[in-house]
PDB file of N, CA and C in Angstrom:
ATOM      1  N   MET A   1      29.667 -64.015  29.544  1.00  0.00           N
ATOM      2  CA  MET A   1      29.562 -63.539  28.178  1.00  0.00           C
ATOM      3  C   MET A   1      28.652 -62.245  28.313  1.00  0.00           C
ATOM      4  N   ARG A   2      29.078 -61.304  27.493  1.00  0.00           N
ATOM      5  CA  ARG A   2      28.437 -60.041  27.475  1.00  0.00           C
ATOM      6  C   ARG A   2      27.292 -60.096  26.530  1.00  0.00           C
ATOM      7  N   LYS A   3      26.097 -59.847  27.001  1.00  0.00           N
ATOM      8  CA  LYS A   3      24.900 -59.923  26.259  1.00  0.00           C
ATOM      9  C   LYS A   3      24.738 -58.603  25.432  1.00  0.00           C
ATOM     10  N   LYS A   4      24.193 -58.826  24.192  1.00  0.00           N
ATOM     11  CA  LYS A   4      23.915 -57.663  23.322  1.00  0.00           C
ATOM     12  C   LYS A   4      22.566 -57.816  22.630  1.00  0.00           C
ATOM     13  N   GLY A   5      21.993 -56.642  22.303  1.00  0.00           N
ATOM     14  CA  GLY A   5      20.693 -56.588  21.679  1.00  0.00           C
ATOM     15  C   GLY A   5      20.725 -55.656  20.574  1.00  0.00           C
ATOM     16  N   ILE A   6      19.784 -55.827  19.616  1.00  0.00           N
ATOM     17  CA  ILE A   6      19.688 -54.898  18.543  1.00  0.00           C
ATOM     18  C   ILE A   6      18.135 -54.518  18.477  1.00  0.00           C
ATOM     19  N   ILE A   7      17.853 -53.204  18.235  1.00  0.00           N
ATOM     20  CA  ILE A   7      16.527 -52.689  18.224  1.00  0.00           C
ATOM     21  C   ILE A   7      16.375 -52.132  16.802  1.00  0.00           C
ATOM     22  N   PHE A   8      15.425 -52.655  16.022  1.00  0.00           N
ATOM     23  CA  PHE A   8      15.145 -52.201  14.808  1.00  0.00           C
ATOM     24  C   PHE A   8      14.028 -51.098  14.933  1.00  0.00           C
ATOM     25  N   ILE A   9      14.322 -49.962  14.419  1.00  0.00           N
ATOM     26  CA  ILE A   9      13.389 -48.769  14.634  1.00  0.00           C
ATOM     27  C   ILE A   9      12.612 -48.398  13.382  1.00  0.00           C
ATOM     28  N   ALA A  10      11.323 -48.321  13.485  1.00  0.00           N
ATOM     29  CA  ALA A  10      10.535 -47.852  12.375  1.00  0.00           C
ATOM     30  C   ALA A  10       9.728 -46.607  12.840  1.00  0.00           C
ATOM     31  N   HIS A  11       9.218 -45.887  11.991  1.00  0.00           N
ATOM     32  CA  HIS A  11       8.495 -44.672  12.368  1.00  0.00           C
ATOM     33  C   HIS A  11       7.276 -44.990  13.196  1.00  0.00           C
ATOM     34  N   GLY A  12       6.482 -45.873  12.731  1.00  0.00           N
ATOM     35  CA  GLY A  12       5.212 -46.166  13.341  1.00  0.00           C
ATOM     36  C   GLY A  12       4.117 -45.588  12.498  1.00  0.00           C
ATOM     37  N   SER A  13       2.998 -46.261  12.283  1.00  0.00           N
ATOM     38  CA  SER A  13       1.971 -45.914  11.375  1.00  0.00           C
ATOM     39  C   SER A  13       0.549 -45.999  12.036  1.00  0.00           C
ATOM     40  N   LYS A  14      -0.323 -45.146  11.628  1.00  0.00           N
ATOM     41  CA  LYS A  14      -1.721 -45.289  11.981  1.00  0.00           C
ATOM     42  C   LYS A  14      -2.342 -46.545  11.421  1.00  0.00           C
ATOM     43  N   LYS A  15      -1.759 -47.017  10.327  1.00  0.00           N
ATOM     44  CA  LYS A  15      -2.232 -48.248   9.686  1.00  0.00           C
ATOM     45  C   LYS A  15      -1.614 -49.508  10.313  1.00  0.00           C
ATOM     46  N   GLU A  16      -2.409 -50.278  10.973  1.00  0.00           N
ATOM     47  CA  GLU A  16      -1.905 -51.460  11.750  1.00  0.00           C
ATOM     48  C   GLU A  16      -1.168 -52.406  10.776  1.00  0.00           C
ATOM     49  N   GLU A  17      -1.638 -52.541   9.535  1.00  0.00           N
ATOM     50  CA  GLU A  17      -0.998 -53.523   8.659  1.00  0.00           C
ATOM     51  C   GLU A  17       0.520 -53.164   8.417  1.00  0.00           C
ATOM     52  N   SER A  18       0.733 -51.864   8.331  1.00  0.00           N
ATOM     53  CA  SER A  18       2.127 -51.365   8.102  1.00  0.00           C
ATOM     54  C   SER A  18       3.017 -51.721   9.256  1.00  0.00           C
ATOM     55  N   ASN A  19       2.523 -51.519  10.464  1.00  0.00           N
ATOM     56  CA  ASN A  19       3.223 -51.863  11.731  1.00  0.00           C
ATOM     57  C   ASN A  19       3.488 -53.367  11.797  1.00  0.00           C
ATOM     58  N   LYS A  20       2.455 -54.092  11.393  1.00  0.00           N
ATOM     59  CA  LYS A  20       2.528 -55.548  11.484  1.00  0.00           C
ATOM     60  C   LYS A  20       3.529 -56.150  10.546  1.00  0.00           C
ATOM     61  N   GLU A  21       3.665 -55.505   9.347  1.00  0.00           N
ATOM     62  CA  GLU A  21       4.711 -55.957   8.387  1.00  0.00           C
ATOM     63  C   GLU A  21       6.075 -55.803   8.977  1.00  0.00           C
ATOM     64  N   PHE A  22       6.334 -54.667   9.589  1.00  0.00           N
ATOM     65  CA  PHE A  22       7.533 -54.335  10.174  1.00  0.00           C
ATOM     66  C   PHE A  22       7.905 -55.376  11.230  1.00  0.00           C
ATOM     67  N   ILE A  23       6.914 -55.611  12.144  1.00  0.00           N
ATOM     68  CA  ILE A  23       7.157 -56.646  13.241  1.00  0.00           C
ATOM     69  C   ILE A  23       7.519 -57.890  12.712  1.00  0.00           C
ATOM     70  N   GLU A  24       6.751 -58.381  11.652  1.00  0.00           N
ATOM     71  CA  GLU A  24       6.984 -59.702  11.078  1.00  0.00           C
ATOM     72  C   GLU A  24       8.384 -59.803  10.467  1.00  0.00           C
ATOM     73  N   MET A  25       8.833 -58.674   9.747  1.00  0.00           N
ATOM     74  CA  MET A  25      10.232 -58.661   9.263  1.00  0.00           C
ATOM     75  C   MET A  25      11.196 -58.842  10.385  1.00  0.00           C
ATOM     76  N   VAL A  26      11.078 -58.130  11.426  1.00  0.00           N
ATOM     77  CA  VAL A  26      12.030 -58.243  12.550  1.00  0.00           C
ATOM     78  C   VAL A  26      11.997 -59.590  13.131  1.00  0.00           C
ATOM     79  N   ASN A  27      10.867 -60.224  13.251  1.00  0.00           N
ATOM     80  CA  ASN A  27      10.675 -61.551  13.754  1.00  0.00           C
ATOM     81  C   ASN A  27      11.440 -62.578  12.880  1.00  0.00           C
ATOM     82  N   LYS A  28      11.321 -62.402  11.628  1.00  0.00           N
ATOM     83  CA  LYS A  28      12.062 -63.278  10.660  1.00  0.00           C
ATOM     84  C   LYS A  28      13.533 -63.136  10.802  1.00  0.00           C
ATOM     85  N   ILE A  29      14.022 -61.943  10.850  1.00  0.00           N
ATOM     86  CA  ILE A  29      15.422 -61.569  11.103  1.00  0.00           C
ATOM     87  C   ILE A  29      15.819 -62.274  12.387  1.00  0.00           C
ATOM     88  N   SER A  30      15.095 -62.140  13.398  1.00  0.00           N
ATOM     89  CA  SER A  30      15.501 -62.706  14.725  1.00  0.00           C
ATOM     90  C   SER A  30      15.686 -64.268  14.612  1.00  0.00           C
ATOM     91  N   GLN A  31      14.844 -64.888  13.876  1.00  0.00           N
ATOM     92  CA  GLN A  31      14.999 -66.419  13.672  1.00  0.00           C
ATOM     93  C   GLN A  31      16.133 -66.747  13.032  1.00  0.00           C
ATOM     94  N   LYS A  32      16.774 -65.925  12.103  1.00  0.00           N
ATOM     95  CA  LYS A  32      17.931 -66.205  11.276  1.00  0.00           C
ATOM     96  C   LYS A  32      19.232 -65.690  11.883  1.00  0.00           C
ATOM     97  N   ASP A  33      19.123 -64.870  12.822  1.00  0.00           N
ATOM     98  CA  ASP A  33      20.367 -64.216  13.347  1.00  0.00           C
ATOM     99  C   ASP A  33      21.050 -65.049  14.432  1.00  0.00           C
ATOM    100  N   ASN A  34      22.332 -64.963  14.451  1.00  0.00           N
ATOM    101  CA  ASN A  34      23.053 -65.737  15.568  1.00  0.00           C
ATOM    102  C   ASN A  34      24.013 -64.805  16.314  1.00  0.00           C
ATOM    103  N   ASN A  35      23.895 -63.537  16.104  1.00  0.00           N
ATOM    104  CA  ASN A  35      24.847 -62.502  16.657  1.00  0.00           C
ATOM    105  C   ASN A  35      24.297 -61.796  17.933  1.00  0.00           C
ATOM    106  N   TYR A  36      23.003 -61.711  17.994  1.00  0.00           N
ATOM    107  CA  TYR A  36      22.434 -60.945  19.082  1.00  0.00           C
ATOM    108  C   TYR A  36      21.653 -61.869  20.040  1.00  0.00           C
ATOM    109  N   ASP A  37      21.675 -61.462  21.334  1.00  0.00           N
ATOM    110  CA  ASP A  37      20.966 -62.269  22.364  1.00  0.00           C
ATOM    111  C   ASP A  37      19.503 -61.747  22.355  1.00  0.00           C
ATOM    112  N   PHE A  38      19.249 -60.468  21.981  1.00  0.00           N
ATOM    113  CA  PHE A  38      17.967 -59.935  22.052  1.00  0.00           C
ATOM    114  C   PHE A  38      17.693 -59.108  20.757  1.00  0.00           C
ATOM    115  N   ILE A  39      16.550 -59.343  20.203  1.00  0.00           N
ATOM    116  CA  ILE A  39      16.151 -58.648  18.882  1.00  0.00           C
ATOM    117  C   ILE A  39      14.723 -58.229  19.009  1.00  0.00           C
ATOM    118  N   LYS A  40      14.468 -56.940  18.805  1.00  0.00           N
ATOM    119  CA  LYS A  40      13.111 -56.449  18.805  1.00  0.00           C
ATOM    120  C   LYS A  40      12.882 -55.278  17.981  1.00  0.00           C
ATOM    121  N   PRO A  41      11.604 -55.112  17.571  1.00  0.00           N
ATOM    122  CA  PRO A  41      11.285 -53.894  16.888  1.00  0.00           C
ATOM    123  C   PRO A  41      10.785 -52.794  17.902  1.00  0.00           C
ATOM    124  N   ALA A  42      10.986 -51.487  17.492  1.00  0.00           N
ATOM    125  CA  ALA A  42      10.508 -50.432  18.277  1.00  0.00           C
ATOM    126  C   ALA A  42      10.023 -49.375  17.391  1.00  0.00           C
ATOM    127  N   PHE A  43       9.202 -48.451  17.809  1.00  0.00           N
ATOM    128  CA  PHE A  43       8.645 -47.384  16.962  1.00  0.00           C
ATOM    129  C   PHE A  43       9.034 -46.052  17.538  1.00  0.00           C
ATOM    130  N   LEU A  44       9.159 -45.107  16.583  1.00  0.00           N
ATOM    131  CA  LEU A  44       9.480 -43.715  17.048  1.00  0.00           C
ATOM    132  C   LEU A  44       8.193 -42.988  17.439  1.00  0.00           C
ATOM    133  N   GLU A  45       7.102 -43.213  16.787  1.00  0.00           N
ATOM    134  CA  GLU A  45       5.837 -42.499  16.997  1.00  0.00           C
ATOM    135  C   GLU A  45       4.656 -43.391  16.781  1.00  0.00           C
ATOM    136  N   LEU A  46       3.536 -42.996  17.412  1.00  0.00           N
ATOM    137  CA  LEU A  46       2.175 -43.589  17.171  1.00  0.00           C
ATOM    138  C   LEU A  46       1.974 -45.014  17.734  1.00  0.00           C
ATOM    139  N   VAL A  47       3.019 -45.790  17.864  1.00  0.00           N
ATOM    140  CA  VAL A  47       2.824 -47.246  18.172  1.00  0.00           C
ATOM    141  C   VAL A  47       3.838 -47.597  19.249  1.00  0.00           C
ATOM    142  N   THR A  48       3.392 -48.577  20.062  1.00  0.00           N
ATOM    143  CA  THR A  48       4.353 -49.207  21.007  1.00  0.00           C
ATOM    144  C   THR A  48       4.832 -50.564  20.495  1.00  0.00           C
ATOM    145  N   PRO A  49       5.941 -50.970  21.008  1.00  0.00           N
ATOM    146  CA  PRO A  49       6.732 -50.435  22.016  1.00  0.00           C
ATOM    147  C   PRO A  49       7.635 -49.197  21.471  1.00  0.00           C
ATOM    148  N   ASP A  50       8.039 -48.353  22.333  1.00  0.00           N
ATOM    149  CA  ASP A  50       8.850 -47.291  21.943  1.00  0.00           C
ATOM    150  C   ASP A  50      10.309 -47.664  22.132  1.00  0.00           C
ATOM    151  N   ILE A  51      11.234 -46.883  21.610  1.00  0.00           N
ATOM    152  CA  ILE A  51      12.672 -47.269  21.670  1.00  0.00           C
ATOM    153  C   ILE A  51      13.166 -47.400  23.089  1.00  0.00           C
ATOM    154  N   LYS A  52      12.828 -46.435  23.880  1.00  0.00           N
ATOM    155  CA  LYS A  52      13.355 -46.406  25.280  1.00  0.00           C
ATOM    156  C   LYS A  52      12.830 -47.641  26.076  1.00  0.00           C
ATOM    157  N   SER A  53      11.587 -47.944  25.914  1.00  0.00           N
ATOM    158  CA  SER A  53      11.106 -49.140  26.686  1.00  0.00           C
ATOM    159  C   SER A  53      11.789 -50.446  26.209  1.00  0.00           C
ATOM    160  N   VAL A  54      12.064 -50.610  24.961  1.00  0.00           N
ATOM    161  CA  VAL A  54      12.767 -51.885  24.496  1.00  0.00           C
ATOM    162  C   VAL A  54      14.140 -51.818  25.061  1.00  0.00           C
ATOM    163  N   ALA A  55      14.909 -50.699  24.879  1.00  0.00           N
ATOM    164  CA  ALA A  55      16.263 -50.533  25.440  1.00  0.00           C
ATOM    165  C   ALA A  55      16.261 -50.891  26.954  1.00  0.00           C
ATOM    166  N   THR A  56      15.249 -50.386  27.711  1.00  0.00           N
ATOM    167  CA  THR A  56      15.185 -50.624  29.137  1.00  0.00           C
ATOM    168  C   THR A  56      14.957 -52.125  29.387  1.00  0.00           C
ATOM    169  N   GLU A  57      14.101 -52.775  28.657  1.00  0.00           N
ATOM    170  CA  GLU A  57      13.884 -54.230  28.722  1.00  0.00           C
ATOM    171  C   GLU A  57      15.191 -54.936  28.561  1.00  0.00           C
ATOM    172  N   PHE A  58      16.000 -54.586  27.473  1.00  0.00           N
ATOM    173  CA  PHE A  58      17.203 -55.282  27.230  1.00  0.00           C
ATOM    174  C   PHE A  58      18.239 -55.085  28.390  1.00  0.00           C
ATOM    175  N   ILE A  59      18.217 -53.925  28.930  1.00  0.00           N
ATOM    176  CA  ILE A  59      19.154 -53.627  30.110  1.00  0.00           C
ATOM    177  C   ILE A  59      18.794 -54.443  31.254  1.00  0.00           C
ATOM    178  N   ILE A  60      17.534 -54.495  31.564  1.00  0.00           N
ATOM    179  CA  ILE A  60      17.008 -55.310  32.682  1.00  0.00           C
ATOM    180  C   ILE A  60      17.394 -56.841  32.435  1.00  0.00           C
ATOM    181  N   LYS A  61      17.440 -57.251  31.172  1.00  0.00           N
ATOM    182  CA  LYS A  61      17.763 -58.633  30.861  1.00  0.00           C
ATOM    183  C   LYS A  61      19.323 -58.837  30.816  1.00  0.00           C
ATOM    184  N   GLY A  62      20.126 -57.766  31.036  1.00  0.00           N
ATOM    185  CA  GLY A  62      21.511 -57.933  31.201  1.00  0.00           C
ATOM    186  C   GLY A  62      22.316 -57.481  29.947  1.00  0.00           C
ATOM    187  N   ALA A  63      21.745 -56.836  29.007  1.00  0.00           N
ATOM    188  CA  ALA A  63      22.453 -56.417  27.855  1.00  0.00           C
ATOM    189  C   ALA A  63      23.487 -55.332  28.204  1.00  0.00           C
ATOM    190  N   LYS A  64      24.682 -55.498  27.729  1.00  0.00           N
ATOM    191  CA  LYS A  64      25.848 -54.572  27.897  1.00  0.00           C
ATOM    192  C   LYS A  64      26.089 -53.776  26.672  1.00  0.00           C
ATOM    193  N   ARG A  65      25.468 -54.213  25.581  1.00  0.00           N
ATOM    194  CA  ARG A  65      25.638 -53.577  24.291  1.00  0.00           C
ATOM    195  C   ARG A  65      24.346 -53.522  23.618  1.00  0.00           C
ATOM    196  N   ILE A  66      23.887 -52.321  23.136  1.00  0.00           N
ATOM    197  CA  ILE A  66      22.625 -52.253  22.444  1.00  0.00           C
ATOM    198  C   ILE A  66      22.839 -51.495  21.094  1.00  0.00           C
ATOM    199  N   VAL A  67      22.463 -52.062  20.013  1.00  0.00           N
ATOM    200  CA  VAL A  67      22.691 -51.523  18.720  1.00  0.00           C
ATOM    201  C   VAL A  67      21.265 -51.114  18.224  1.00  0.00           C
ATOM    202  N   PHE A  68      21.255 -49.995  17.539  1.00  0.00           N
ATOM    203  CA  PHE A  68      20.046 -49.467  16.907  1.00  0.00           C
ATOM    204  C   PHE A  68      20.161 -49.391  15.456  1.00  0.00           C
ATOM    205  N   TYR A  69      19.176 -49.876  14.749  1.00  0.00           N
ATOM    206  CA  TYR A  69      19.160 -50.011  13.311  1.00  0.00           C
ATOM    207  C   TYR A  69      17.878 -49.246  12.768  1.00  0.00           C
ATOM    208  N   PRO A  70      18.093 -48.000  12.383  1.00  0.00           N
ATOM    209  CA  PRO A  70      16.934 -47.199  11.909  1.00  0.00           C
ATOM    210  C   PRO A  70      16.369 -47.720  10.537  1.00  0.00           C
ATOM    211  N   PHE A  71      15.203 -48.208  10.561  1.00  0.00           N
ATOM    212  CA  PHE A  71      14.549 -48.692   9.233  1.00  0.00           C
ATOM    213  C   PHE A  71      13.942 -47.515   8.499  1.00  0.00           C
ATOM    214  N   PHE A  72      14.752 -46.558   8.101  1.00  0.00           N
ATOM    215  CA  PHE A  72      14.328 -45.465   7.410  1.00  0.00           C
ATOM    216  C   PHE A  72      15.071 -45.309   6.061  1.00  0.00           C
ATOM    217  N   LEU A  73      14.402 -44.952   4.987  1.00  0.00           N
ATOM    218  CA  LEU A  73      14.931 -44.917   3.731  1.00  0.00           C
ATOM    219  C   LEU A  73      15.880 -43.725   3.532  1.00  0.00           C
ATOM    220  N   ASN A  74      15.463 -42.530   4.089  1.00  0.00           N
ATOM    221  CA  ASN A  74      16.269 -41.284   3.976  1.00  0.00           C
ATOM    222  C   ASN A  74      16.654 -40.756   5.364  1.00  0.00           C
ATOM    223  N   SER A  75      17.695 -39.893   5.348  1.00  0.00           N
ATOM    224  CA  SER A  75      18.144 -39.352   6.543  1.00  0.00           C
ATOM    225  C   SER A  75      17.557 -38.018   6.913  1.00  0.00           C
ATOM    226  N   GLY A  76      16.242 -38.040   7.261  1.00  0.00           N
ATOM    227  CA  GLY A  76      15.525 -36.874   7.679  1.00  0.00           C
ATOM    228  C   GLY A  76      15.726 -36.546   9.099  1.00  0.00           C
ATOM    229  N   LYS A  77      14.832 -35.776   9.687  1.00  0.00           N
ATOM    230  CA  LYS A  77      14.926 -35.292  11.079  1.00  0.00           C
ATOM    231  C   LYS A  77      14.874 -36.543  12.056  1.00  0.00           C
ATOM    232  N   HIS A  78      14.143 -37.523  11.834  1.00  0.00           N
ATOM    233  CA  HIS A  78      14.125 -38.634  12.731  1.00  0.00           C
ATOM    234  C   HIS A  78      15.409 -39.303  12.803  1.00  0.00           C
ATOM    235  N   VAL A  79      16.088 -39.579  11.637  1.00  0.00           N
ATOM    236  CA  VAL A  79      17.447 -40.206  11.698  1.00  0.00           C
ATOM    237  C   VAL A  79      18.511 -39.288  12.236  1.00  0.00           C
ATOM    238  N   GLN A  80      18.464 -38.114  11.865  1.00  0.00           N
ATOM    239  CA  GLN A  80      19.576 -37.133  12.195  1.00  0.00           C
ATOM    240  C   GLN A  80      19.449 -36.544  13.638  1.00  0.00           C
ATOM    241  N   ILE A  81      18.225 -36.357  14.075  1.00  0.00           N
ATOM    242  CA  ILE A  81      17.996 -35.717  15.395  1.00  0.00           C
ATOM    243  C   ILE A  81      17.346 -36.456  16.431  1.00  0.00           C
ATOM    244  N   ASP A  82      16.062 -36.983  16.081  1.00  0.00           N
ATOM    245  CA  ASP A  82      15.296 -37.650  17.138  1.00  0.00           C
ATOM    246  C   ASP A  82      15.882 -38.894  17.671  1.00  0.00           C
ATOM    247  N   ILE A  83      16.280 -39.799  16.797  1.00  0.00           N
ATOM    248  CA  ILE A  83      16.869 -41.089  17.301  1.00  0.00           C
ATOM    249  C   ILE A  83      18.260 -40.832  18.068  1.00  0.00           C
ATOM    250  N   PRO A  84      19.092 -40.040  17.539  1.00  0.00           N
ATOM    251  CA  PRO A  84      20.322 -39.710  18.344  1.00  0.00           C
ATOM    252  C   PRO A  84      20.022 -39.095  19.680  1.00  0.00           C
ATOM    253  N   ASN A  85      18.959 -38.240  19.831  1.00  0.00           N
ATOM    254  CA  ASN A  85      18.575 -37.662  21.083  1.00  0.00           C
ATOM    255  C   ASN A  85      18.177 -38.668  22.015  1.00  0.00           C
ATOM    256  N   ILE A  86      17.291 -39.633  21.517  1.00  0.00           N
ATOM    257  CA  ILE A  86      16.900 -40.805  22.445  1.00  0.00           C
ATOM    258  C   ILE A  86      18.088 -41.510  22.918  1.00  0.00           C
ATOM    259  N   ILE A  87      19.011 -41.867  22.098  1.00  0.00           N
ATOM    260  CA  ILE A  87      20.215 -42.643  22.486  1.00  0.00           C
ATOM    261  C   ILE A  87      20.996 -41.794  23.499  1.00  0.00           C
ATOM    262  N   LYS A  88      21.153 -40.514  23.304  1.00  0.00           N
ATOM    263  CA  LYS A  88      21.896 -39.678  24.173  1.00  0.00           C
ATOM    264  C   LYS A  88      21.356 -39.779  25.597  1.00  0.00           C
ATOM    265  N   ASP A  89      19.943 -39.689  25.658  1.00  0.00           N
ATOM    266  CA  ASP A  89      19.300 -39.872  26.981  1.00  0.00           C
ATOM    267  C   ASP A  89      19.516 -41.245  27.502  1.00  0.00           C
ATOM    268  N   LEU A  90      19.497 -42.233  26.757  1.00  0.00           N
ATOM    269  CA  LEU A  90      19.735 -43.582  27.317  1.00  0.00           C
ATOM    270  C   LEU A  90      21.183 -43.723  27.824  1.00  0.00           C
ATOM    271  N   ARG A  91      22.144 -43.054  27.133  1.00  0.00           N
ATOM    272  CA  ARG A  91      23.554 -43.149  27.587  1.00  0.00           C
ATOM    273  C   ARG A  91      23.705 -42.456  28.910  1.00  0.00           C
ATOM    274  N   GLU A  92      22.987 -41.363  29.161  1.00  0.00           N
ATOM    275  CA  GLU A  92      22.994 -40.695  30.477  1.00  0.00           C
ATOM    276  C   GLU A  92      22.400 -41.597  31.585  1.00  0.00           C
ATOM    277  N   GLU A  93      21.354 -42.284  31.189  1.00  0.00           N
ATOM    278  CA  GLU A  93      20.629 -43.041  32.244  1.00  0.00           C
ATOM    279  C   GLU A  93      21.367 -44.373  32.425  1.00  0.00           C
ATOM    280  N   ALA A  94      22.094 -44.910  31.473  1.00  0.00           N
ATOM    281  CA  ALA A  94      22.717 -46.220  31.649  1.00  0.00           C
ATOM    282  C   ALA A  94      24.149 -46.198  31.065  1.00  0.00           C
ATOM    283  N   PRO A  95      25.066 -45.407  31.787  1.00  0.00           N
ATOM    284  CA  PRO A  95      26.418 -45.262  31.213  1.00  0.00           C
ATOM    285  C   PRO A  95      27.243 -46.523  31.139  1.00  0.00           C
ATOM    286  N   GLU A  96      26.784 -47.577  31.861  1.00  0.00           N
ATOM    287  CA  GLU A  96      27.538 -48.852  31.850  1.00  0.00           C
ATOM    288  C   GLU A  96      27.242 -49.666  30.558  1.00  0.00           C
ATOM    289  N   VAL A  97      26.284 -49.169  29.782  1.00  0.00           N
ATOM    290  CA  VAL A  97      25.830 -49.920  28.534  1.00  0.00           C
ATOM    291  C   VAL A  97      26.449 -49.117  27.271  1.00  0.00           C
ATOM    292  N   ASN A  98      26.960 -49.976  26.426  1.00  0.00           N
ATOM    293  CA  ASN A  98      27.496 -49.389  25.162  1.00  0.00           C
ATOM    294  C   ASN A  98      26.310 -49.370  24.095  1.00  0.00           C
ATOM    295  N   PHE A  99      25.990 -48.185  23.709  1.00  0.00           N
ATOM    296  CA  PHE A  99      24.980 -47.908  22.728  1.00  0.00           C
ATOM    297  C   PHE A  99      25.618 -47.562  21.383  1.00  0.00           C
ATOM    298  N   GLU A 100      25.101 -48.202  20.340  1.00  0.00           N
ATOM    299  CA  GLU A 100      25.676 -47.930  19.004  1.00  0.00           C
ATOM    300  C   GLU A 100      24.588 -47.759  18.009  1.00  0.00           C
ATOM    301  N   LEU A 101      24.620 -46.596  17.272  1.00  0.00           N
ATOM    302  CA  LEU A 101      23.654 -46.256  16.250  1.00  0.00           C
ATOM    303  C   LEU A 101      24.180 -46.637  14.863  1.00  0.00           C
ATOM    304  N   LEU A 102      23.609 -47.593  14.228  1.00  0.00           N
ATOM    305  CA  LEU A 102      24.010 -47.985  12.878  1.00  0.00           C
ATOM    306  C   LEU A 102      23.521 -46.987  11.809  1.00  0.00           C
ATOM    307  N   PRO A 103      24.142 -46.905  10.641  1.00  0.00           N
ATOM    308  CA  PRO A 103      23.596 -46.099   9.590  1.00  0.00           C
ATOM    309  C   PRO A 103      22.153 -46.587   9.245  1.00  0.00           C
ATOM    310  N   HIS A 104      21.265 -45.648   8.861  1.00  0.00           N
ATOM    311  CA  HIS A 104      19.897 -46.018   8.463  1.00  0.00           C
ATOM    312  C   HIS A 104      19.823 -46.914   7.262  1.00  0.00           C
ATOM    313  N   PHE A 105      18.724 -47.681   7.091  1.00  0.00           N
ATOM    314  CA  PHE A 105      18.607 -48.627   6.073  1.00  0.00           C
ATOM    315  C   PHE A 105      18.901 -48.134   4.656  1.00  0.00           C
ATOM    316  N   GLY A 106      18.485 -46.882   4.370  1.00  0.00           N
ATOM    317  CA  GLY A 106      18.707 -46.269   3.047  1.00  0.00           C
ATOM    318  C   GLY A 106      20.175 -46.133   2.631  1.00  0.00           C
ATOM    319  N   LYS A 107      21.038 -46.172   3.650  1.00  0.00           N
ATOM    320  CA  LYS A 107      22.525 -46.053   3.405  1.00  0.00           C
ATOM    321  C   LYS A 107      23.225 -47.397   2.984  1.00  0.00           C
ATOM    322  N   SER A 108      22.390 -48.416   3.046  1.00  0.00           N
ATOM    323  CA  SER A 108      22.954 -49.769   2.735  1.00  0.00           C
ATOM    324  C   SER A 108      23.494 -49.786   1.348  1.00  0.00           C
ATOM    325  N   GLN A 109      24.645 -50.386   1.165  1.00  0.00           N
ATOM    326  CA  GLN A 109      25.288 -50.557  -0.109  1.00  0.00           C
ATOM    327  C   GLN A 109      24.519 -51.531  -0.968  1.00  0.00           C
ATOM    328  N   LYS A 110      23.608 -52.304  -0.425  1.00  0.00           N
ATOM    329  CA  LYS A 110      22.925 -53.301  -1.118  1.00  0.00           C
ATOM    330  C   LYS A 110      21.593 -52.879  -1.732  1.00  0.00           C
ATOM    331  N   ILE A 111      21.146 -51.627  -1.412  1.00  0.00           N
ATOM    332  CA  ILE A 111      19.921 -51.171  -1.888  1.00  0.00           C
ATOM    333  C   ILE A 111      19.781 -51.185  -3.408  1.00  0.00           C
ATOM    334  N   GLU A 112      20.788 -50.770  -4.097  1.00  0.00           N
ATOM    335  CA  GLU A 112      20.731 -50.757  -5.570  1.00  0.00           C
ATOM    336  C   GLU A 112      20.676 -52.174  -6.129  1.00  0.00           C
ATOM    337  N   GLU A 113      21.326 -53.086  -5.440  1.00  0.00           N
ATOM    338  CA  GLU A 113      21.242 -54.527  -5.898  1.00  0.00           C
ATOM    339  C   GLU A 113      19.765 -55.035  -5.727  1.00  0.00           C
ATOM    340  N   ILE A 114      19.158 -54.724  -4.627  1.00  0.00           N
ATOM    341  CA  ILE A 114      17.832 -55.138  -4.382  1.00  0.00           C
ATOM    342  C   ILE A 114      16.806 -54.547  -5.510  1.00  0.00           C
ATOM    343  N   ILE A 115      17.034 -53.257  -5.749  1.00  0.00           N
ATOM    344  CA  ILE A 115      16.129 -52.631  -6.750  1.00  0.00           C
ATOM    345  C   ILE A 115      16.427 -53.182  -8.111  1.00  0.00           C
ATOM    346  N   LEU A 116      17.641 -53.401  -8.504  1.00  0.00           N
ATOM    347  CA  LEU A 116      17.879 -53.927  -9.801  1.00  0.00           C
ATOM    348  C   LEU A 116      17.417 -55.352  -9.928  1.00  0.00           C
ATOM    349  N   SER A 117      17.493 -56.158  -8.834  1.00  0.00           N
ATOM    350  CA  SER A 117      16.895 -57.480  -8.877  1.00  0.00           C
ATOM    351  C   SER A 117      15.349 -57.414  -9.078  1.00  0.00           C
ATOM    352  N   ASP A 118      14.768 -56.519  -8.386  1.00  0.00           N
ATOM    353  CA  ASP A 118      13.297 -56.374  -8.487  1.00  0.00           C
ATOM    354  C   ASP A 118      12.731 -55.921  -9.809  1.00  0.00           C
ATOM    355  N   ILE A 119      13.565 -55.179 -10.520  1.00  0.00           N
ATOM    356  CA  ILE A 119      13.042 -54.529 -11.800  1.00  0.00           C
ATOM    357  C   ILE A 119      13.589 -55.248 -13.008  1.00  0.00           C
ATOM    358  N   ASN A 120      14.424 -56.275 -12.867  1.00  0.00           N
ATOM    359  CA  ASN A 120      15.035 -57.007 -13.968  1.00  0.00           C
ATOM    360  C   ASN A 120      14.503 -58.401 -13.976  1.00  0.00           C
TER     361      ASN A 120
END
């Protein structure tokens, strides 16, 4: 069986509570998910673990497919340039692994439903 992992990516904050909230959310998702062998949070800046180290951990554990989910509301520089560049480097280092970048969180079709539910 081909193992697969998903890395949830957040920016990373100087505020520990913000990082902790993200990690807790990913842990809850991990407990409910049945599709991935490995699920972990990673941070783009300021906090560890970083994206590359989590991807490397998954590869060492046998992942042949790694999916990246950018937990960003908008498609700024990090979503359009920084994360794709990190994945490009990973592809060069591990060509045997299938890397897939999902659309960022803010592109989800369900965002409007969540907001409407919260305000009504």
